[in-house]
Each structure stands twice: as C-alpha cells, then as structure tokens.
Amino acid sequence: MDRIDLMSTYVAVANAGSFTGAAHRLGMTPQLVSKYVRALEDQLDAQLFIRSTRSVRLTQTGAAYLEKCTQLLEDFDELAAAVRNDHRAPQGHLTIAAPTTYGEIFLADALADFAQTYPKVQIDLRLSDRYASLLDDGIDVAIRIGQLEDSSFVASKLSQTRLTYCASPHYIATQGAPQKPKDLLDHSCIIDSNFRPGASWPFSGQQGALRIDVDGRLRANSASVARRFALKDCGILLSPEYVIADDLKTGRLVPVLERYWPETLGIFAVYLENRHLSAKVRVFVDFMRSRLR
C-alpha cells in the first residue's frame, strides 16, 4: 500500500475521532479505513489509536506522530502544487472577501483589470463589513485592515492607511474645532458602528495611546454613509483616510486633531496558514500589492 495513502487515512481518523467519520470524509468504507490504519501501525510497529466501540483516541505515540505526519503531508501537497503551478497559467475560481467601502473604492476597477490580465481566473468578490471565516465561507483570500488578531492567518501587506478625524467647514465655523481629544465630549460625533472599537475613539499623543468614549445622535454601519453625514455638517467624523481622501483634498472636509491621529493601519491580504499559496492567489496578491503601492 502507498505510504501517503496510509498516512492520509490515519490523519483523517485522528481528526474525525472515529473510523466511520473518516470513512465518510474520504469516501471509503469503515472496514477499508481500519485496514489502512492497521497497515500503518504494522509498518511503524507501534499502536497509534486506542479503539473502543464507537470512537478512537490517540495513544501518546499516535499524538506525537500526528503532528509530524500532518506536516509531511502538507509539505508533499505544497511540493506537488508548486510543480503544477509552475507549468500552467493561473486558473480556477478565486473568492475574495473585503470590507464594503474599501472594495467599492479600490477593488472594483482593480479586479476588472486583473480579470483581463488573467482570463482563466473566475472571480467572486464578496463585500461585507463582517469578518468572513476563510475556512467556513470558502474564502481564498481576504482583505483585512488594521491589527490582525488571528495568528492562524498568513498575511501579506499590500498597503497602509490611517484613521483621520475631520468635519465640514460649516460645522467647524459654527461649533468650533476641538483642540484636544477630550474636547470631543462637547461635540456631536458621527459614529461608524462597523468600526470595531465603536464609540471608543483612539488617539496618539506625547503620553502614549489613549481612548475617548464619544457620543452622537447619528450612527451608521457604513463608512460611506458616515461620510455623507459629515458632509451634511452633522458632526465630527472618525474615518479611514481612504474614504475621505478626496474630500480632504478639495476642502469639503477639514482635518481636526491632526497631532493626535493614531498611527497608520496596515492593509493585508490574508489566507489560511499551512495552505499552499496557489498560483491564482499568488498572482492576485502580487497584482494588488503593485496596484495599491
């Protein structure tokens, strides 16, 4: 029997916790799965599982072997994928998740150009301000902005942005400009509820980072809508710079509290750890890094 098949079957049993569950995943019979595991144990001259009527559990030897076996299988798959990808153009379905406003501003045109450059890649762009699960939602690559909290992701930095504070000239003329972060307590603040810290706004200063809990009558779960509120003289806005960059250039919005703005935020393409970077994902990441530079 092929050693790779035996190892793959063993890993499936360990992950499923039973021969029946592994058989269902592999499209095999439980009897054949058991035969493969027994053959692997015979080759290793070691017991990998403690068997019961309905389930199995790893022995100490089996647990140690599982980690090494999993890595070997991933390395083998990566090698095979690399050889295949070196000999064919990128192709297949590419599912991309991104924040709504960022996708509308930057990704729509970029992906149209990407599709013309790589005609064998079919693109499915999913825009949402919730964090999609790469594994559960079948996402090949996701665009993330800011701090990455999940260490199971591999991240490739594409660009960067920063959080800005601004308001319309009319609002500043009638209500005055805040001079320090605590002055926001006396202002109407426009709150983008998709912003993860919500109404706890971050600042940087000589004494380090701080947060101010602000309040306001207008909230929206959309950076674009929050921007419209600011343009209508409704208050002070905290927004990623890419959303209001043109407004700042033209003077439709004016910056406030500039010396307290937080540090820059990274914009990343992320994909699952230990998953080979396929040709379609690799060229997409390279394309976007060049485009956003």
C-alpha atoms as a PDB file:
ATOM      1  CA  MET A   1       0.000   0.000   0.000  1.00  0.00           C
ATOM      2  CA  ASP A   2       1.121   3.545  -0.683  1.00  0.00           C
ATOM      3  CA  ARG A   3       2.552   5.165   2.451  1.00  0.00           C
ATOM      4  CA  ILE A   4       0.985   8.541   1.603  1.00  0.00           C
ATOM      5  CA  ASP A   5      -2.488   6.951   1.420  1.00  0.00           C
ATOM      6  CA  LEU A   6      -1.948   5.243   4.776  1.00  0.00           C
ATOM      7  CA  MET A   7      -0.799   8.473   6.404  1.00  0.00           C
ATOM      8  CA  SER A   8      -3.690  10.457   4.914  1.00  0.00           C
ATOM      9  CA  THR A   9      -6.167   7.920   6.234  1.00  0.00           C
ATOM     10  CA  TYR A  10      -4.581   7.979   9.684  1.00  0.00           C
ATOM     11  CA  VAL A  11      -4.794  11.788   9.850  1.00  0.00           C
ATOM     12  CA  ALA A  12      -8.445  11.683   8.770  1.00  0.00           C
ATOM     13  CA  VAL A  13      -9.265   9.204  11.574  1.00  0.00           C
ATOM     14  CA  ALA A  14      -7.419  11.340  14.130  1.00  0.00           C
ATOM     15  CA  ASN A  15      -9.307  14.472  13.046  1.00  0.00           C
ATOM     16  CA  ALA A  16     -12.708  12.755  12.850  1.00  0.00           C
ATOM     17  CA  GLY A  17     -12.307  10.782  16.077  1.00  0.00           C
ATOM     18  CA  SER A  18     -13.729   7.635  14.516  1.00  0.00           C
ATOM     19  CA  PHE A  19     -13.267   5.250  11.609  1.00  0.00           C
ATOM     20  CA  THR A  20     -16.820   5.914  10.448  1.00  0.00           C
ATOM     21  CA  GLY A  21     -16.342   9.680  10.385  1.00  0.00           C
ATOM     22  CA  ALA A  22     -13.063   9.343   8.493  1.00  0.00           C
ATOM     23  CA  ALA A  23     -14.647   6.927   6.033  1.00  0.00           C
ATOM     24  CA  HIS A  24     -17.408   9.441   5.294  1.00  0.00           C
ATOM     25  CA  ARG A  25     -14.864  12.207   4.626  1.00  0.00           C
ATOM     26  CA  LEU A  26     -12.669  10.018   2.445  1.00  0.00           C
ATOM     27  CA  GLY A  27     -15.419   8.228   0.523  1.00  0.00           C
ATOM     28  CA  MET A  28     -14.245   4.836   1.779  1.00  0.00           C
ATOM     29  CA  THR A  29     -15.769   2.063   3.839  1.00  0.00           C
ATOM     30  CA  PRO A  30     -15.012   1.941   7.592  1.00  0.00           C
ATOM     31  CA  GLN A  31     -13.521  -1.502   7.059  1.00  0.00           C
ATOM     32  CA  LEU A  32     -11.023  -0.195   4.497  1.00  0.00           C
ATOM     33  CA  VAL A  33     -10.130   2.747   6.730  1.00  0.00           C
ATOM     34  CA  SER A  34      -9.449   0.361   9.601  1.00  0.00           C
ATOM     35  CA  LYS A  35      -7.345  -1.830   7.319  1.00  0.00           C
ATOM     36  CA  TYR A  36      -5.222   1.155   6.237  1.00  0.00           C
ATOM     37  CA  VAL A  37      -4.625   2.277   9.807  1.00  0.00           C
ATOM     38  CA  ARG A  38      -3.703  -1.252  10.869  1.00  0.00           C
ATOM     39  CA  ALA A  39      -1.267  -1.477   7.962  1.00  0.00           C
ATOM     40  CA  LEU A  40       0.373   1.788   9.008  1.00  0.00           C
ATOM     41  CA  GLU A  41       0.677   0.578  12.578  1.00  0.00           C
ATOM     42  CA  ASP A  42       2.275  -2.640  11.339  1.00  0.00           C
ATOM     43  CA  GLN A  43       4.775  -0.689   9.248  1.00  0.00           C
ATOM     44  CA  LEU A  44       5.665   1.524  12.212  1.00  0.00           C
ATOM     45  CA  ASP A  45       5.492  -1.324  14.714  1.00  0.00           C
ATOM     46  CA  ALA A  46       3.546   0.990  17.021  1.00  0.00           C
ATOM     47  CA  GLN A  47      -0.022   1.417  18.248  1.00  0.00           C
ATOM     48  CA  LEU A  48      -1.432   4.754  17.138  1.00  0.00           C
ATOM     49  CA  PHE A  49      -5.000   4.511  18.453  1.00  0.00           C
ATOM     50  CA  ILE A  50      -6.836   3.090  21.442  1.00  0.00           C
ATOM     51  CA  ARG A  51     -10.026   1.691  19.964  1.00  0.00           C
ATOM     52  CA  SER A  52     -13.476   1.483  21.521  1.00  0.00           C
ATOM     53  CA  THR A  53     -16.867   0.509  20.129  1.00  0.00           C
ATOM     54  CA  ARG A  54     -17.831   3.962  18.855  1.00  0.00           C
ATOM     55  CA  SER A  55     -14.663   6.028  18.812  1.00  0.00           C
ATOM     56  CA  VAL A  56     -10.898   6.037  18.893  1.00  0.00           C
ATOM     57  CA  ARG A  57      -8.359   8.140  20.723  1.00  0.00           C
ATOM     58  CA  LEU A  58      -4.700   8.679  20.067  1.00  0.00           C
ATOM     59  CA  THR A  59      -2.032   6.953  22.065  1.00  0.00           C
ATOM     60  CA  GLN A  60       0.900   9.046  23.238  1.00  0.00           C
ATOM     61  CA  THR A  61       2.880   7.723  20.280  1.00  0.00           C
ATOM     62  CA  GLY A  62      -0.029   8.438  17.946  1.00  0.00           C
ATOM     63  CA  ALA A  63      -0.314  12.053  19.151  1.00  0.00           C
ATOM     64  CA  ALA A  64       3.393  12.660  18.562  1.00  0.00           C
ATOM     65  CA  TYR A  65       3.223  11.041  15.129  1.00  0.00           C
ATOM     66  CA  LEU A  66       0.137  13.052  14.146  1.00  0.00           C
ATOM     67  CA  GLU A  67       1.916  16.398  14.270  1.00  0.00           C
ATOM     68  CA  LYS A  68       4.844  15.186  12.175  1.00  0.00           C
ATOM     69  CA  CYS A  69       2.616  13.260   9.794  1.00  0.00           C
ATOM     70  CA  THR A  70       0.374  16.287   9.179  1.00  0.00           C
ATOM     71  CA  GLN A  71       3.363  18.485   8.364  1.00  0.00           C
ATOM     72  CA  LEU A  72       4.796  15.888   5.993  1.00  0.00           C
ATOM     73  CA  LEU A  73       1.510  15.626   4.102  1.00  0.00           C
ATOM     74  CA  GLU A  74       1.242  19.408   3.833  1.00  0.00           C
ATOM     75  CA  ASP A  75       4.804  19.622   2.539  1.00  0.00           C
ATOM     76  CA  PHE A  76       4.047  16.932  -0.020  1.00  0.00           C
ATOM     77  CA  ASP A  77       0.886  18.723  -1.196  1.00  0.00           C
ATOM     78  CA  GLU A  78       2.762  22.016  -1.405  1.00  0.00           C
ATOM     79  CA  LEU A  79       5.512  20.463  -3.485  1.00  0.00           C
ATOM     80  CA  ALA A  80       3.016  18.878  -5.867  1.00  0.00           C
ATOM     81  CA  ALA A  81       1.052  22.130  -6.159  1.00  0.00           C
ATOM     82  CA  ALA A  82       4.209  24.125  -6.803  1.00  0.00           C
ATOM     83  CA  VAL A  83       5.200  21.788  -9.637  1.00  0.00           C
ATOM     84  CA  ARG A  84       1.735  22.033 -11.188  1.00  0.00           C
ATOM     85  CA  ASN A  85       1.577  25.804 -10.862  1.00  0.00           C
ATOM     86  CA  ASP A  86       4.976  26.239 -12.474  1.00  0.00           C
ATOM     87  CA  HIS A  87       3.620  24.643 -15.627  1.00  0.00           C
ATOM     88  CA  ARG A  88       0.252  26.279 -16.101  1.00  0.00           C
ATOM     89  CA  ALA A  89      -1.309  29.711 -16.079  1.00  0.00           C
ATOM     90  CA  PRO A  90      -3.366  30.766 -13.041  1.00  0.00           C
ATOM     91  CA  GLN A  91      -6.884  29.419 -13.343  1.00  0.00           C
ATOM     92  CA  GLY A  92      -9.966  28.430 -11.386  1.00  0.00           C
ATOM     93  CA  HIS A  93     -12.333  30.215  -9.009  1.00  0.00           C
ATOM     94  CA  LEU A  94     -10.887  32.928  -6.775  1.00  0.00           C
ATOM     95  CA  THR A  95     -13.138  34.015  -3.909  1.00  0.00           C
ATOM     96  CA  ILE A  96     -12.156  37.314  -2.294  1.00  0.00           C
ATOM     97  CA  ALA A  97     -13.646  38.910   0.813  1.00  0.00           C
ATOM     98  CA  ALA A  98     -13.185  42.603   1.574  1.00  0.00           C
ATOM     99  CA  PRO A  99     -14.748  45.463   3.570  1.00  0.00           C
ATOM    100  CA  THR A 100     -17.606  47.031   1.647  1.00  0.00           C
ATOM    101  CA  THR A 101     -16.420  50.613   1.223  1.00  0.00           C
ATOM    102  CA  TYR A 102     -12.805  49.622   0.580  1.00  0.00           C
ATOM    103  CA  GLY A 103     -13.919  47.121  -2.041  1.00  0.00           C
ATOM    104  CA  GLU A 104     -16.118  49.662  -3.786  1.00  0.00           C
ATOM    105  CA  ILE A 105     -13.379  52.296  -3.887  1.00  0.00           C
ATOM    106  CA  PHE A 106     -10.304  50.209  -4.685  1.00  0.00           C
ATOM    107  CA  LEU A 107     -11.135  46.656  -5.708  1.00  0.00           C
ATOM    108  CA  ALA A 108     -13.819  47.034  -8.380  1.00  0.00           C
ATOM    109  CA  ASP A 109     -11.574  48.602 -11.035  1.00  0.00           C
ATOM    110  CA  ALA A 110      -8.519  46.640  -9.912  1.00  0.00           C
ATOM    111  CA  LEU A 111     -10.313  43.306 -10.242  1.00  0.00           C
ATOM    112  CA  ALA A 112     -11.658  44.240 -13.663  1.00  0.00           C
ATOM    113  CA  ASP A 113      -8.071  44.801 -14.782  1.00  0.00           C
ATOM    114  CA  PHE A 114      -6.948  41.621 -13.023  1.00  0.00           C
ATOM    115  CA  ALA A 115      -9.622  39.628 -14.877  1.00  0.00           C
ATOM    116  CA  GLN A 116      -8.353  40.933 -18.216  1.00  0.00           C
ATOM    117  CA  THR A 117      -4.779  40.040 -17.299  1.00  0.00           C
ATOM    118  CA  TYR A 118      -5.676  36.512 -16.123  1.00  0.00           C
ATOM    119  CA  PRO A 119      -8.630  35.378 -18.267  1.00  0.00           C
ATOM    120  CA  LYS A 120      -8.706  31.828 -16.844  1.00  0.00           C
ATOM    121  CA  VAL A 121      -9.454  33.020 -13.298  1.00  0.00           C
ATOM    122  CA  GLN A 122     -13.121  33.341 -12.300  1.00  0.00           C
ATOM    123  CA  ILE A 123     -13.563  35.987  -9.581  1.00  0.00           C
ATOM    124  CA  ASP A 124     -16.174  36.035  -6.811  1.00  0.00           C
ATOM    125  CA  LEU A 125     -15.869  39.272  -4.805  1.00  0.00           C
ATOM    126  CA  ARG A 126     -17.809  39.281  -1.528  1.00  0.00           C
ATOM    127  CA  LEU A 127     -18.108  42.674   0.130  1.00  0.00           C
ATOM    128  CA  SER A 128     -19.136  42.760   3.762  1.00  0.00           C
ATOM    129  CA  ASP A 129     -18.093  44.605   6.877  1.00  0.00           C
ATOM    130  CA  ARG A 130     -18.261  41.474   8.972  1.00  0.00           C
ATOM    131  CA  TYR A 131     -15.173  39.302   9.221  1.00  0.00           C
ATOM    132  CA  ALA A 132     -15.806  36.329   6.953  1.00  0.00           C
ATOM    133  CA  SER A 133     -14.414  32.967   8.009  1.00  0.00           C
ATOM    134  CA  LEU A 134     -11.905  31.917   5.389  1.00  0.00           C
ATOM    135  CA  LEU A 135     -12.474  28.244   6.108  1.00  0.00           C
ATOM    136  CA  ASP A 136     -16.229  28.158   6.765  1.00  0.00           C
ATOM    137  CA  ASP A 137     -17.153  30.617   3.989  1.00  0.00           C
ATOM    138  CA  GLY A 138     -14.802  29.167   1.384  1.00  0.00           C
ATOM    139  CA  ILE A 139     -12.694  32.331   1.036  1.00  0.00           C
ATOM    140  CA  ASP A 140      -9.384  32.058  -0.812  1.00  0.00           C
ATOM    141  CA  VAL A 141      -8.050  35.424   0.276  1.00  0.00           C
ATOM    142  CA  ALA A 142      -9.447  38.243   2.390  1.00  0.00           C
ATOM    143  CA  ILE A 143      -8.544  41.907   2.626  1.00  0.00           C
ATOM    144  CA  ARG A 144      -8.078  42.962   6.245  1.00  0.00           C
ATOM    145  CA  ILE A 145      -7.383  46.456   7.571  1.00  0.00           C
ATOM    146  CA  GLY A 146      -5.693  47.086  10.896  1.00  0.00           C
ATOM    147  CA  GLN A 147      -4.374  44.733  13.524  1.00  0.00           C
ATOM    148  CA  LEU A 148      -4.648  41.036  12.711  1.00  0.00           C
ATOM    149  CA  GLU A 149      -5.719  39.162  15.812  1.00  0.00           C
ATOM    150  CA  ASP A 150      -5.890  35.627  14.423  1.00  0.00           C
ATOM    151  CA  SER A 151      -2.447  34.015  14.253  1.00  0.00           C
ATOM    152  CA  SER A 152      -3.751  31.197  12.028  1.00  0.00           C
ATOM    153  CA  PHE A 153      -3.606  33.591   9.071  1.00  0.00           C
ATOM    154  CA  VAL A 154      -0.675  34.234   6.804  1.00  0.00           C
ATOM    155  CA  ALA A 155      -0.670  37.939   5.959  1.00  0.00           C
ATOM    156  CA  SER A 156       0.913  39.804   3.063  1.00  0.00           C
ATOM    157  CA  LYS A 157       0.951  43.584   3.429  1.00  0.00           C
ATOM    158  CA  LEU A 158      -0.499  45.382   0.408  1.00  0.00           C
ATOM    159  CA  SER A 159      -0.582  48.982   1.546  1.00  0.00           C
ATOM    160  CA  GLN A 160      -1.461  51.122   4.535  1.00  0.00           C
ATOM    161  CA  THR A 161      -3.901  53.792   5.625  1.00  0.00           C
ATOM    162  CA  ARG A 162      -4.633  55.746   8.781  1.00  0.00           C
ATOM    163  CA  LEU A 163      -7.567  56.836  10.865  1.00  0.00           C
ATOM    164  CA  THR A 164      -8.424  60.503  10.434  1.00  0.00           C
ATOM    165  CA  TYR A 165     -10.635  62.993  12.256  1.00  0.00           C
ATOM    166  CA  CYS A 166     -12.495  65.586  10.227  1.00  0.00           C
ATOM    167  CA  ALA A 167     -15.615  67.713   9.902  1.00  0.00           C
ATOM    168  CA  SER A 168     -17.192  70.034   7.397  1.00  0.00           C
ATOM    169  CA  PRO A 169     -16.043  73.690   7.244  1.00  0.00           C
ATOM    170  CA  HIS A 170     -19.561  74.825   8.198  1.00  0.00           C
ATOM    171  CA  TYR A 171     -19.606  72.619  11.291  1.00  0.00           C
ATOM    172  CA  ILE A 172     -16.221  73.971  12.397  1.00  0.00           C
ATOM    173  CA  ALA A 173     -17.335  77.558  11.728  1.00  0.00           C
ATOM    174  CA  THR A 174     -20.455  77.182  13.870  1.00  0.00           C
ATOM    175  CA  GLN A 175     -19.301  74.750  16.568  1.00  0.00           C
ATOM    176  CA  GLY A 176     -15.578  75.371  16.721  1.00  0.00           C
ATOM    177  CA  ALA A 177     -12.677  72.958  16.256  1.00  0.00           C
ATOM    178  CA  PRO A 178     -11.648  70.651  19.090  1.00  0.00           C
ATOM    179  CA  GLN A 179      -8.121  71.319  20.301  1.00  0.00           C
ATOM    180  CA  LYS A 180      -7.583  68.120  22.280  1.00  0.00           C
ATOM    181  CA  PRO A 181      -9.317  64.706  22.308  1.00  0.00           C
ATOM    182  CA  LYS A 182     -11.360  65.426  25.456  1.00  0.00           C
ATOM    183  CA  ASP A 183     -12.979  68.361  23.673  1.00  0.00           C
ATOM    184  CA  LEU A 184     -14.965  65.804  21.667  1.00  0.00           C
ATOM    185  CA  LEU A 185     -17.147  65.290  24.739  1.00  0.00           C
ATOM    186  CA  ASP A 186     -18.701  68.674  23.911  1.00  0.00           C
ATOM    187  CA  HIS A 187     -19.219  67.861  20.219  1.00  0.00           C
ATOM    188  CA  SER A 188     -21.623  65.809  18.142  1.00  0.00           C
ATOM    189  CA  CYS A 189     -19.680  62.779  16.880  1.00  0.00           C
ATOM    190  CA  ILE A 190     -20.679  60.654  13.888  1.00  0.00           C
ATOM    191  CA  ILE A 191     -20.183  57.013  14.774  1.00  0.00           C
ATOM    192  CA  ASP A 192     -19.465  54.287  12.233  1.00  0.00           C
ATOM    193  CA  SER A 193     -20.707  51.201  14.081  1.00  0.00           C
ATOM    194  CA  ASN A 194     -18.661  48.956  11.779  1.00  0.00           C
ATOM    195  CA  PHE A 195     -15.558  50.460  13.353  1.00  0.00           C
ATOM    196  CA  ARG A 196     -14.536  47.693  15.757  1.00  0.00           C
ATOM    197  CA  PRO A 197     -13.939  49.882  18.856  1.00  0.00           C
ATOM    198  CA  GLY A 198     -17.314  51.547  18.218  1.00  0.00           C
ATOM    199  CA  ALA A 199     -17.634  54.853  20.073  1.00  0.00           C
ATOM    200  CA  SER A 200     -14.301  54.405  21.896  1.00  0.00           C
ATOM    201  CA  TRP A 201     -12.118  56.537  19.643  1.00  0.00           C
ATOM    202  CA  PRO A 202      -8.317  56.065  19.634  1.00  0.00           C
ATOM    203  CA  PHE A 203      -5.677  58.774  19.761  1.00  0.00           C
ATOM    204  CA  SER A 204      -1.918  59.074  19.971  1.00  0.00           C
ATOM    205  CA  GLY A 205      -0.095  61.720  21.931  1.00  0.00           C
ATOM    206  CA  GLN A 206       3.033  62.594  23.831  1.00  0.00           C
ATOM    207  CA  GLN A 207       1.879  60.441  26.730  1.00  0.00           C
ATOM    208  CA  GLY A 208       1.064  57.471  24.533  1.00  0.00           C
ATOM    209  CA  ALA A 209      -2.165  55.965  23.236  1.00  0.00           C
ATOM    210  CA  LEU A 210      -5.500  56.870  24.757  1.00  0.00           C
ATOM    211  CA  ARG A 211      -9.187  56.416  24.033  1.00  0.00           C
ATOM    212  CA  ILE A 212     -12.139  58.741  24.445  1.00  0.00           C
ATOM    213  CA  ASP A 213     -15.717  57.462  24.695  1.00  0.00           C
ATOM    214  CA  VAL A 214     -17.698  59.795  22.447  1.00  0.00           C
ATOM    215  CA  ASP A 215     -21.380  60.226  21.772  1.00  0.00           C
ATOM    216  CA  GLY A 216     -23.554  61.499  18.956  1.00  0.00           C
ATOM    217  CA  ARG A 217     -27.049  61.339  17.519  1.00  0.00           C
ATOM    218  CA  LEU A 218     -26.002  59.778  14.218  1.00  0.00           C
ATOM    219  CA  ARG A 219     -24.733  56.223  13.822  1.00  0.00           C
ATOM    220  CA  ALA A 220     -24.430  54.065  10.705  1.00  0.00           C
ATOM    221  CA  ASN A 221     -22.884  50.711   9.895  1.00  0.00           C
ATOM    222  CA  SER A 222     -21.345  52.168   6.749  1.00  0.00           C
ATOM    223  CA  ALA A 223     -18.247  54.301   6.287  1.00  0.00           C
ATOM    224  CA  SER A 224     -19.807  55.829   3.163  1.00  0.00           C
ATOM    225  CA  VAL A 225     -22.980  56.863   4.983  1.00  0.00           C
ATOM    226  CA  ALA A 226     -20.983  58.258   7.912  1.00  0.00           C
ATOM    227  CA  ARG A 227     -19.022  60.326   5.393  1.00  0.00           C
ATOM    228  CA  ARG A 228     -22.285  61.714   3.966  1.00  0.00           C
ATOM    229  CA  PHE A 229     -23.366  62.751   7.457  1.00  0.00           C
ATOM    230  CA  ALA A 230     -20.124  64.683   7.876  1.00  0.00           C
ATOM    231  CA  LEU A 231     -20.550  66.400   4.500  1.00  0.00           C
ATOM    232  CA  LYS A 232     -24.018  67.486   5.687  1.00  0.00           C
ATOM    233  CA  ASP A 233     -22.497  69.357   8.647  1.00  0.00           C
ATOM    234  CA  CYS A 234     -23.713  66.810  11.208  1.00  0.00           C
ATOM    235  CA  GLY A 235     -20.598  66.494  13.339  1.00  0.00           C
ATOM    236  CA  ILE A 236     -17.053  65.231  13.695  1.00  0.00           C
ATOM    237  CA  LEU A 237     -16.153  62.017  11.913  1.00  0.00           C
ATOM    238  CA  LEU A 238     -13.600  59.293  12.581  1.00  0.00           C
ATOM    239  CA  SER A 239     -12.882  57.626   9.241  1.00  0.00           C
ATOM    240  CA  PRO A 240     -10.213  55.635   7.419  1.00  0.00           C
ATOM    241  CA  GLU A 241      -8.302  58.093   5.257  1.00  0.00           C
ATOM    242  CA  TYR A 242      -9.110  56.286   2.007  1.00  0.00           C
ATOM    243  CA  VAL A 243     -12.832  57.013   2.499  1.00  0.00           C
ATOM    244  CA  ILE A 244     -12.485  60.797   2.766  1.00  0.00           C
ATOM    245  CA  ALA A 245      -9.157  61.462   0.993  1.00  0.00           C
ATOM    246  CA  ASP A 246     -10.747  63.343  -1.921  1.00  0.00           C
ATOM    247  CA  ASP A 247     -12.894  65.393   0.485  1.00  0.00           C
ATOM    248  CA  LEU A 248      -9.799  66.491   2.402  1.00  0.00           C
ATOM    249  CA  LYS A 249      -8.034  67.451  -0.837  1.00  0.00           C
ATOM    250  CA  THR A 250     -10.944  69.556  -2.081  1.00  0.00           C
ATOM    251  CA  GLY A 251     -11.769  71.114   1.293  1.00  0.00           C
ATOM    252  CA  ARG A 252     -15.242  69.592   1.552  1.00  0.00           C
ATOM    253  CA  LEU A 253     -13.989  68.207   4.850  1.00  0.00           C
ATOM    254  CA  VAL A 254     -11.214  69.629   7.002  1.00  0.00           C
ATOM    255  CA  PRO A 255      -8.947  67.740   9.389  1.00  0.00           C
ATOM    256  CA  VAL A 256      -9.104  68.206  13.152  1.00  0.00           C
ATOM    257  CA  LEU A 257      -6.888  66.962  15.987  1.00  0.00           C
ATOM    258  CA  GLU A 258      -4.157  66.073  13.478  1.00  0.00           C
ATOM    259  CA  ARG A 259      -1.369  65.818  16.040  1.00  0.00           C
ATOM    260  CA  TYR A 260      -3.417  63.181  17.880  1.00  0.00           C
ATOM    261  CA  TRP A 261      -4.203  60.958  14.911  1.00  0.00           C
ATOM    262  CA  PRO A 262      -3.423  57.276  15.526  1.00  0.00           C
ATOM    263  CA  GLU A 263      -0.579  55.525  13.781  1.00  0.00           C
ATOM    264  CA  THR A 264      -1.042  54.007  10.337  1.00  0.00           C
ATOM    265  CA  LEU A 265      -3.018  50.824   9.792  1.00  0.00           C
ATOM    266  CA  GLY A 266      -1.761  48.028   7.576  1.00  0.00           C
ATOM    267  CA  ILE A 267      -3.880  46.704   4.708  1.00  0.00           C
ATOM    268  CA  PHE A 268      -3.271  42.978   4.288  1.00  0.00           C
ATOM    269  CA  ALA A 269      -4.169  40.067   2.062  1.00  0.00           C
ATOM    270  CA  VAL A 270      -4.648  37.075   4.344  1.00  0.00           C
ATOM    271  CA  TYR A 271      -5.072  33.368   3.716  1.00  0.00           C
ATOM    272  CA  LEU A 272      -5.001  30.265   5.877  1.00  0.00           C
ATOM    273  CA  GLU A 273      -1.786  29.136   7.460  1.00  0.00           C
ATOM    274  CA  ASN A 274      -0.171  25.966   6.111  1.00  0.00           C
ATOM    275  CA  ARG A 275      -2.180  26.207   2.900  1.00  0.00           C
ATOM    276  CA  HIS A 276      -0.095  26.398  -0.257  1.00  0.00           C
ATOM    277  CA  LEU A 277      -0.253  29.758  -1.928  1.00  0.00           C
ATOM    278  CA  SER A 278      -1.817  28.687  -5.217  1.00  0.00           C
ATOM    279  CA  ALA A 279      -0.962  30.430  -8.463  1.00  0.00           C
ATOM    280  CA  LYS A 280      -4.265  32.306  -8.565  1.00  0.00           C
ATOM    281  CA  VAL A 281      -3.798  33.647  -5.016  1.00  0.00           C
ATOM    282  CA  ARG A 282      -0.123  34.418  -5.562  1.00  0.00           C
ATOM    283  CA  VAL A 283      -0.698  36.486  -8.706  1.00  0.00           C
ATOM    284  CA  PHE A 284      -3.665  38.271  -7.092  1.00  0.00           C
ATOM    285  CA  VAL A 285      -1.567  39.302  -4.081  1.00  0.00           C
ATOM    286  CA  ASP A 286       1.296  40.454  -6.297  1.00  0.00           C
ATOM    287  CA  PHE A 287      -1.106  42.335  -8.585  1.00  0.00           C
ATOM    288  CA  MET A 288      -2.822  44.136  -5.711  1.00  0.00           C
ATOM    289  CA  ARG A 289       0.446  44.994  -3.976  1.00  0.00           C
ATOM    290  CA  SER A 290       1.673  46.647  -7.177  1.00  0.00           C
ATOM    291  CA  ARG A 291      -1.667  48.353  -7.807  1.00  0.00           C
ATOM    292  CA  LEU A 292      -2.037  49.769  -4.299  1.00  0.00           C
ATOM    293  CA  ARG A 293       1.544  50.891  -3.948  1.00  0.00           C
END
